[in-house]
């Protein structure tokens, strides 16, 4: 499937953790490390943390216009110019067309070296976007974490979850996250772009079963 449409929102997977969401005349990018040719200008850009494959400054500059708002973490905000809204887990910002809730995203069992997680708690965020009647959760780079239990009460319509392992949840762990979050639909991401982020998407779908509808999106060219 090339895109997912739900209640006026179209969601495209550009690759890795990069998505474009179009609703009416509003265009939102999340973690635009991967961009397709001729990518349209952004009204909003969300970067979930400061790593280059999420807050890609050159790509943000490529798609931004004079009125584009960039939503990111305090650490990443130091690298981005223009209209920047810095957020930390627990913050909520109303941007008119959309509202953004920042939630935790961190590792519990993925380490650079003992005691040094790739994504420490408090440095990155996931986001819950409310766009009209649609609620979309992009987890950022994370493992299965206790804070996901609260998302199960938010009525998530679409969850965008990493499944590639090494730096984030693998396929089995992502399926466990689905059971906690209880989204109507789930789209796996953050796999296939890097050699060390291969994923068993068939296994992911089998484990999720009837918990949620698994939607496999094709990467945009």
C-alpha atoms as a PDB file:
ATOM      1  CA  UNK A   1       0.000   0.000   0.000  1.00  0.00           C
ATOM      2  CA  UNK A   2       1.420   3.390  -0.975  1.00  0.00           C
ATOM      3  CA  UNK A   3      -0.503   5.448   1.573  1.00  0.00           C
ATOM      4  CA  UNK A   4      -3.066   5.151   4.350  1.00  0.00           C
ATOM      5  CA  UNK A   5      -6.126   7.403   4.279  1.00  0.00           C
ATOM      6  CA  UNK A   6      -8.306   7.871   7.338  1.00  0.00           C
ATOM      7  CA  UNK A   7     -10.952  10.538   7.936  1.00  0.00           C
ATOM      8  CA  UNK A   8      -9.389  13.076   5.609  1.00  0.00           C
ATOM      9  CA  UNK A   9      -5.761  12.361   6.567  1.00  0.00           C
ATOM     10  CA  UNK A  10      -3.335  10.733   4.160  1.00  0.00           C
ATOM     11  CA  UNK A  11      -0.234   9.128   5.682  1.00  0.00           C
ATOM     12  CA  UNK A  12       2.787   8.299   3.512  1.00  0.00           C
ATOM     13  CA  UNK A  13       5.908   6.448   4.664  1.00  0.00           C
ATOM     14  CA  UNK A  14       8.942   8.047   3.080  1.00  0.00           C
ATOM     15  CA  UNK A  15      11.331   5.496   4.596  1.00  0.00           C
ATOM     16  CA  UNK A  16      13.093   4.907   7.942  1.00  0.00           C
ATOM     17  CA  UNK A  17      11.053   6.927  10.508  1.00  0.00           C
ATOM     18  CA  UNK A  18      10.072   9.584   7.958  1.00  0.00           C
ATOM     19  CA  UNK A  19       6.395  10.271   7.259  1.00  0.00           C
ATOM     20  CA  UNK A  20       4.344  12.874   5.449  1.00  0.00           C
ATOM     21  CA  UNK A  21       0.802  13.495   6.642  1.00  0.00           C
ATOM     22  CA  UNK A  22      -1.547  15.612   4.529  1.00  0.00           C
ATOM     23  CA  UNK A  23      -4.902  16.778   5.873  1.00  0.00           C
ATOM     24  CA  UNK A  24      -6.850  19.297   3.846  1.00  0.00           C
ATOM     25  CA  UNK A  25      -4.327  21.951   2.900  1.00  0.00           C
ATOM     26  CA  UNK A  26      -1.920  21.135   5.729  1.00  0.00           C
ATOM     27  CA  UNK A  27       1.311  19.179   5.209  1.00  0.00           C
ATOM     28  CA  UNK A  28       3.165  17.668   8.165  1.00  0.00           C
ATOM     29  CA  UNK A  29       6.507  15.867   8.088  1.00  0.00           C
ATOM     30  CA  UNK A  30       7.822  13.698  10.890  1.00  0.00           C
ATOM     31  CA  UNK A  31      11.563  12.918  11.118  1.00  0.00           C
ATOM     32  CA  UNK A  32      12.345  13.837   7.479  1.00  0.00           C
ATOM     33  CA  UNK A  33      15.616  11.936   7.103  1.00  0.00           C
ATOM     34  CA  UNK A  34      14.182  10.437   3.908  1.00  0.00           C
ATOM     35  CA  UNK A  35      12.488  12.708   1.369  1.00  0.00           C
ATOM     36  CA  UNK A  36      11.078  11.899  -2.040  1.00  0.00           C
ATOM     37  CA  UNK A  37      11.791  13.911  -5.168  1.00  0.00           C
ATOM     38  CA  UNK A  38       9.652  17.001  -5.410  1.00  0.00           C
ATOM     39  CA  UNK A  39       8.621  16.893  -1.751  1.00  0.00           C
ATOM     40  CA  UNK A  40       6.065  19.667  -1.151  1.00  0.00           C
ATOM     41  CA  UNK A  41       6.639  22.426   1.384  1.00  0.00           C
ATOM     42  CA  UNK A  42       5.854  21.725   5.018  1.00  0.00           C
ATOM     43  CA  UNK A  43       3.471  23.594   7.255  1.00  0.00           C
ATOM     44  CA  UNK A  44       4.830  21.666  10.234  1.00  0.00           C
ATOM     45  CA  UNK A  45       7.939  19.550  10.744  1.00  0.00           C
ATOM     46  CA  UNK A  46       8.325  17.312  13.781  1.00  0.00           C
ATOM     47  CA  UNK A  47      11.740  15.920  14.742  1.00  0.00           C
ATOM     48  CA  UNK A  48      11.555  13.444  17.607  1.00  0.00           C
ATOM     49  CA  UNK A  49      15.201  13.808  18.697  1.00  0.00           C
ATOM     50  CA  UNK A  50      18.540  15.226  17.667  1.00  0.00           C
ATOM     51  CA  UNK A  51      20.042  12.207  15.841  1.00  0.00           C
ATOM     52  CA  UNK A  52      20.856  12.960  12.197  1.00  0.00           C
ATOM     53  CA  UNK A  53      18.410  10.337  10.914  1.00  0.00           C
ATOM     54  CA  UNK A  54      15.530  12.124  12.636  1.00  0.00           C
ATOM     55  CA  UNK A  55      16.466  15.807  12.870  1.00  0.00           C
ATOM     56  CA  UNK A  56      18.067  16.119   9.433  1.00  0.00           C
ATOM     57  CA  UNK A  57      18.735  19.841   9.253  1.00  0.00           C
ATOM     58  CA  UNK A  58      19.435  19.975   5.500  1.00  0.00           C
ATOM     59  CA  UNK A  59      16.175  18.204   4.698  1.00  0.00           C
ATOM     60  CA  UNK A  60      14.237  20.402   7.095  1.00  0.00           C
ATOM     61  CA  UNK A  61      15.627  23.458   5.308  1.00  0.00           C
ATOM     62  CA  UNK A  62      14.694  21.878   1.970  1.00  0.00           C
ATOM     63  CA  UNK A  63      10.996  21.579   2.826  1.00  0.00           C
ATOM     64  CA  UNK A  64      10.463  24.560   5.083  1.00  0.00           C
ATOM     65  CA  UNK A  65       8.900  27.819   4.074  1.00  0.00           C
ATOM     66  CA  UNK A  66       8.815  31.183   5.854  1.00  0.00           C
ATOM     67  CA  UNK A  67       5.813  30.117   7.958  1.00  0.00           C
ATOM     68  CA  UNK A  68       6.864  26.540   8.718  1.00  0.00           C
ATOM     69  CA  UNK A  69       6.854  25.560  12.399  1.00  0.00           C
ATOM     70  CA  UNK A  70       9.412  22.988  13.542  1.00  0.00           C
ATOM     71  CA  UNK A  71       8.512  21.012  16.661  1.00  0.00           C
ATOM     72  CA  UNK A  72      11.378  19.179  18.342  1.00  0.00           C
ATOM     73  CA  UNK A  73      13.269  18.606  21.587  1.00  0.00           C
ATOM     74  CA  UNK A  74      15.259  21.199  23.474  1.00  0.00           C
ATOM     75  CA  UNK A  75      18.528  19.534  22.445  1.00  0.00           C
ATOM     76  CA  UNK A  76      17.623  19.363  18.759  1.00  0.00           C
ATOM     77  CA  UNK A  77      16.164  22.883  18.730  1.00  0.00           C
ATOM     78  CA  UNK A  78      19.679  24.286  19.101  1.00  0.00           C
ATOM     79  CA  UNK A  79      20.473  22.979  15.596  1.00  0.00           C
ATOM     80  CA  UNK A  80      17.377  24.359  13.837  1.00  0.00           C
ATOM     81  CA  UNK A  81      16.716  27.948  12.824  1.00  0.00           C
ATOM     82  CA  UNK A  82      13.444  29.761  12.234  1.00  0.00           C
ATOM     83  CA  UNK A  83      10.145  29.176  13.998  1.00  0.00           C
ATOM     84  CA  UNK A  84      10.942  26.387  16.477  1.00  0.00           C
ATOM     85  CA  UNK A  85       8.728  24.981  19.233  1.00  0.00           C
ATOM     86  CA  UNK A  86      10.771  22.998  21.761  1.00  0.00           C
ATOM     87  CA  UNK A  87       8.959  20.270  23.712  1.00  0.00           C
ATOM     88  CA  UNK A  88       9.660  17.776  26.473  1.00  0.00           C
ATOM     89  CA  UNK A  89       7.673  14.691  27.476  1.00  0.00           C
ATOM     90  CA  UNK A  90       4.380  15.808  29.017  1.00  0.00           C
ATOM     91  CA  UNK A  91       4.138  19.059  27.054  1.00  0.00           C
ATOM     92  CA  UNK A  92       1.132  19.800  24.858  1.00  0.00           C
ATOM     93  CA  UNK A  93       1.072  22.535  22.223  1.00  0.00           C
ATOM     94  CA  UNK A  94      -1.942  23.704  20.207  1.00  0.00           C
ATOM     95  CA  UNK A  95      -0.838  24.822  16.754  1.00  0.00           C
ATOM     96  CA  UNK A  96      -4.318  25.529  15.452  1.00  0.00           C
ATOM     97  CA  UNK A  97      -4.739  22.951  12.711  1.00  0.00           C
ATOM     98  CA  UNK A  98      -3.047  20.308  14.840  1.00  0.00           C
ATOM     99  CA  UNK A  99      -2.207  19.755  18.471  1.00  0.00           C
ATOM    100  CA  UNK A 100       0.928  17.931  19.548  1.00  0.00           C
ATOM    101  CA  UNK A 101       1.417  16.018  22.779  1.00  0.00           C
ATOM    102  CA  UNK A 102       5.003  14.980  23.550  1.00  0.00           C
ATOM    103  CA  UNK A 103       5.421  11.615  25.272  1.00  0.00           C
ATOM    104  CA  UNK A 104       8.410   9.616  26.420  1.00  0.00           C
ATOM    105  CA  UNK A 105      10.620   7.669  24.010  1.00  0.00           C
ATOM    106  CA  UNK A 106      13.731   5.873  25.283  1.00  0.00           C
ATOM    107  CA  UNK A 107      15.649   2.620  25.431  1.00  0.00           C
ATOM    108  CA  UNK A 108      15.536   0.083  28.219  1.00  0.00           C
ATOM    109  CA  UNK A 109      17.589  -2.702  26.600  1.00  0.00           C
ATOM    110  CA  UNK A 110      19.444  -1.206  23.601  1.00  0.00           C
ATOM    111  CA  UNK A 111      22.910   0.057  24.535  1.00  0.00           C
ATOM    112  CA  UNK A 112      25.952   1.616  22.857  1.00  0.00           C
ATOM    113  CA  UNK A 113      27.899   0.083  25.719  1.00  0.00           C
ATOM    114  CA  UNK A 114      26.892  -1.133  29.186  1.00  0.00           C
ATOM    115  CA  UNK A 115      24.862   1.549  30.924  1.00  0.00           C
ATOM    116  CA  UNK A 116      24.757   3.829  27.871  1.00  0.00           C
ATOM    117  CA  UNK A 117      21.449   3.513  25.981  1.00  0.00           C
ATOM    118  CA  UNK A 118      21.247   4.769  22.412  1.00  0.00           C
ATOM    119  CA  UNK A 119      18.277   6.889  23.469  1.00  0.00           C
ATOM    120  CA  UNK A 120      18.367   7.962  27.140  1.00  0.00           C
ATOM    121  CA  UNK A 121      15.154   8.792  28.926  1.00  0.00           C
ATOM    122  CA  UNK A 122      14.215  12.456  28.644  1.00  0.00           C
ATOM    123  CA  UNK A 123      16.235  13.290  25.529  1.00  0.00           C
ATOM    124  CA  UNK A 124      13.793  12.168  22.850  1.00  0.00           C
ATOM    125  CA  UNK A 125      10.056  12.265  22.421  1.00  0.00           C
ATOM    126  CA  UNK A 126       7.246  10.459  20.748  1.00  0.00           C
ATOM    127  CA  UNK A 127       4.282  12.536  19.629  1.00  0.00           C
ATOM    128  CA  UNK A 128       0.516  12.143  19.706  1.00  0.00           C
ATOM    129  CA  UNK A 129      -1.010  14.295  16.984  1.00  0.00           C
ATOM    130  CA  UNK A 130      -4.642  15.353  16.951  1.00  0.00           C
ATOM    131  CA  UNK A 131      -5.626  16.358  13.416  1.00  0.00           C
ATOM    132  CA  UNK A 132      -9.344  16.938  13.195  1.00  0.00           C
ATOM    133  CA  UNK A 133     -10.944  13.719  14.422  1.00  0.00           C
ATOM    134  CA  UNK A 134      -7.816  11.627  13.827  1.00  0.00           C
ATOM    135  CA  UNK A 135      -5.252  10.763  16.513  1.00  0.00           C
ATOM    136  CA  UNK A 136      -1.838   9.578  15.293  1.00  0.00           C
ATOM    137  CA  UNK A 137       1.008   8.347  17.488  1.00  0.00           C
ATOM    138  CA  UNK A 138       4.592   8.406  16.190  1.00  0.00           C
ATOM    139  CA  UNK A 139       6.696   6.709  18.829  1.00  0.00           C
ATOM    140  CA  UNK A 140      10.105   8.134  17.933  1.00  0.00           C
ATOM    141  CA  UNK A 141      13.014   5.817  18.718  1.00  0.00           C
ATOM    142  CA  UNK A 142      11.971   3.734  21.686  1.00  0.00           C
ATOM    143  CA  UNK A 143      11.669   0.349  23.309  1.00  0.00           C
ATOM    144  CA  UNK A 144       8.505  -0.921  24.959  1.00  0.00           C
ATOM    145  CA  UNK A 145       8.149   1.402  27.953  1.00  0.00           C
ATOM    146  CA  UNK A 146       5.723   1.651  30.848  1.00  0.00           C
ATOM    147  CA  UNK A 147       4.436   5.022  29.635  1.00  0.00           C
ATOM    148  CA  UNK A 148       2.823   3.276  26.669  1.00  0.00           C
ATOM    149  CA  UNK A 149       0.111   1.935  28.958  1.00  0.00           C
ATOM    150  CA  UNK A 150      -1.414   5.422  29.216  1.00  0.00           C
ATOM    151  CA  UNK A 151      -1.668   5.628  25.427  1.00  0.00           C
ATOM    152  CA  UNK A 152      -4.170   2.798  25.517  1.00  0.00           C
ATOM    153  CA  UNK A 153      -6.722   5.255  26.934  1.00  0.00           C
ATOM    154  CA  UNK A 154      -6.148   7.927  24.254  1.00  0.00           C
ATOM    155  CA  UNK A 155      -8.031   6.268  21.396  1.00  0.00           C
ATOM    156  CA  UNK A 156      -5.079   6.112  19.015  1.00  0.00           C
ATOM    157  CA  UNK A 157      -6.332   5.698  15.448  1.00  0.00           C
ATOM    158  CA  UNK A 158      -2.917   5.033  13.880  1.00  0.00           C
ATOM    159  CA  UNK A 159       0.337   4.080  15.614  1.00  0.00           C
ATOM    160  CA  UNK A 160       3.638   4.406  13.745  1.00  0.00           C
ATOM    161  CA  UNK A 161       6.046   2.033  15.495  1.00  0.00           C
ATOM    162  CA  UNK A 162       9.684   1.031  14.897  1.00  0.00           C
ATOM    163  CA  UNK A 163      10.258  -2.679  14.304  1.00  0.00           C
ATOM    164  CA  UNK A 164      13.861  -2.909  13.109  1.00  0.00           C
ATOM    165  CA  UNK A 165      15.670  -3.676  16.356  1.00  0.00           C
ATOM    166  CA  UNK A 166      19.267  -2.690  17.261  1.00  0.00           C
ATOM    167  CA  UNK A 167      18.362   0.920  18.178  1.00  0.00           C
ATOM    168  CA  UNK A 168      14.634   0.466  18.806  1.00  0.00           C
ATOM    169  CA  UNK A 169      12.016  -2.222  19.354  1.00  0.00           C
ATOM    170  CA  UNK A 170      12.303  -5.264  17.147  1.00  0.00           C
ATOM    171  CA  UNK A 171       9.263  -6.873  15.549  1.00  0.00           C
ATOM    172  CA  UNK A 172       8.294  -8.958  18.583  1.00  0.00           C
ATOM    173  CA  UNK A 173       8.726  -6.012  20.950  1.00  0.00           C
ATOM    174  CA  UNK A 174       6.730  -3.749  18.649  1.00  0.00           C
ATOM    175  CA  UNK A 175       3.899  -6.290  18.718  1.00  0.00           C
ATOM    176  CA  UNK A 176       3.970  -6.118  22.529  1.00  0.00           C
ATOM    177  CA  UNK A 177       3.734  -2.324  22.288  1.00  0.00           C
ATOM    178  CA  UNK A 178       0.634  -2.668  20.096  1.00  0.00           C
ATOM    179  CA  UNK A 179      -1.074  -4.670  22.839  1.00  0.00           C
ATOM    180  CA  UNK A 180      -0.415  -1.842  25.292  1.00  0.00           C
ATOM    181  CA  UNK A 181      -1.326   1.052  23.001  1.00  0.00           C
ATOM    182  CA  UNK A 182      -4.394  -0.588  21.409  1.00  0.00           C
ATOM    183  CA  UNK A 183      -4.406   1.471  18.192  1.00  0.00           C
ATOM    184  CA  UNK A 184      -7.041   0.821  15.553  1.00  0.00           C
ATOM    185  CA  UNK A 185      -4.266   0.576  12.937  1.00  0.00           C
ATOM    186  CA  UNK A 186      -0.501   0.161  13.206  1.00  0.00           C
ATOM    187  CA  UNK A 187       2.179   0.940  10.638  1.00  0.00           C
ATOM    188  CA  UNK A 188       5.671  -0.531  11.174  1.00  0.00           C
ATOM    189  CA  UNK A 189       8.631   1.773  10.483  1.00  0.00           C
ATOM    190  CA  UNK A 190      12.362   2.221  11.137  1.00  0.00           C
ATOM    191  CA  UNK A 191      13.340  -0.935   9.301  1.00  0.00           C
ATOM    192  CA  UNK A 192      15.092  -1.777   6.061  1.00  0.00           C
ATOM    193  CA  UNK A 193      16.885   1.535   5.576  1.00  0.00           C
ATOM    194  CA  UNK A 194      19.971   0.503   7.539  1.00  0.00           C
ATOM    195  CA  UNK A 195      21.642  -2.907   7.396  1.00  0.00           C
ATOM    196  CA  UNK A 196      21.265  -3.332  11.152  1.00  0.00           C
ATOM    197  CA  UNK A 197      17.516  -2.588  11.146  1.00  0.00           C
ATOM    198  CA  UNK A 198      16.090  -5.557   9.282  1.00  0.00           C
ATOM    199  CA  UNK A 199      12.668  -6.629  10.508  1.00  0.00           C
ATOM    200  CA  UNK A 200      10.442  -9.682  10.334  1.00  0.00           C
ATOM    201  CA  UNK A 201       7.241  -7.901   9.383  1.00  0.00           C
ATOM    202  CA  UNK A 202       5.369 -11.148   8.768  1.00  0.00           C
ATOM    203  CA  UNK A 203       6.138 -12.227  12.339  1.00  0.00           C
ATOM    204  CA  UNK A 204       5.051  -8.800  13.578  1.00  0.00           C
ATOM    205  CA  UNK A 205       1.682  -9.194  11.852  1.00  0.00           C
ATOM    206  CA  UNK A 206       1.229 -12.713  13.180  1.00  0.00           C
ATOM    207  CA  UNK A 207       1.904 -11.685  16.774  1.00  0.00           C
ATOM    208  CA  UNK A 208      -0.346  -8.616  16.575  1.00  0.00           C
ATOM    209  CA  UNK A 209      -3.120 -10.821  15.219  1.00  0.00           C
ATOM    210  CA  UNK A 210      -6.543  -9.286  15.763  1.00  0.00           C
ATOM    211  CA  UNK A 211      -5.326  -6.709  18.307  1.00  0.00           C
ATOM    212  CA  UNK A 212      -4.999  -4.024  15.612  1.00  0.00           C
ATOM    213  CA  UNK A 213      -5.036  -3.808  11.830  1.00  0.00           C
ATOM    214  CA  UNK A 214      -1.463  -3.994  10.545  1.00  0.00           C
ATOM    215  CA  UNK A 215      -0.919  -1.706   7.544  1.00  0.00           C
ATOM    216  CA  UNK A 216       2.277  -2.244   5.553  1.00  0.00           C
ATOM    217  CA  UNK A 217       3.189   0.884   3.630  1.00  0.00           C
ATOM    218  CA  UNK A 218       5.582   0.933   0.701  1.00  0.00           C
ATOM    219  CA  UNK A 219       8.437   3.386   0.902  1.00  0.00           C
ATOM    220  CA  UNK A 220       7.984   6.387  -1.386  1.00  0.00           C
ATOM    221  CA  UNK A 221      10.471   6.576  -4.268  1.00  0.00           C
END
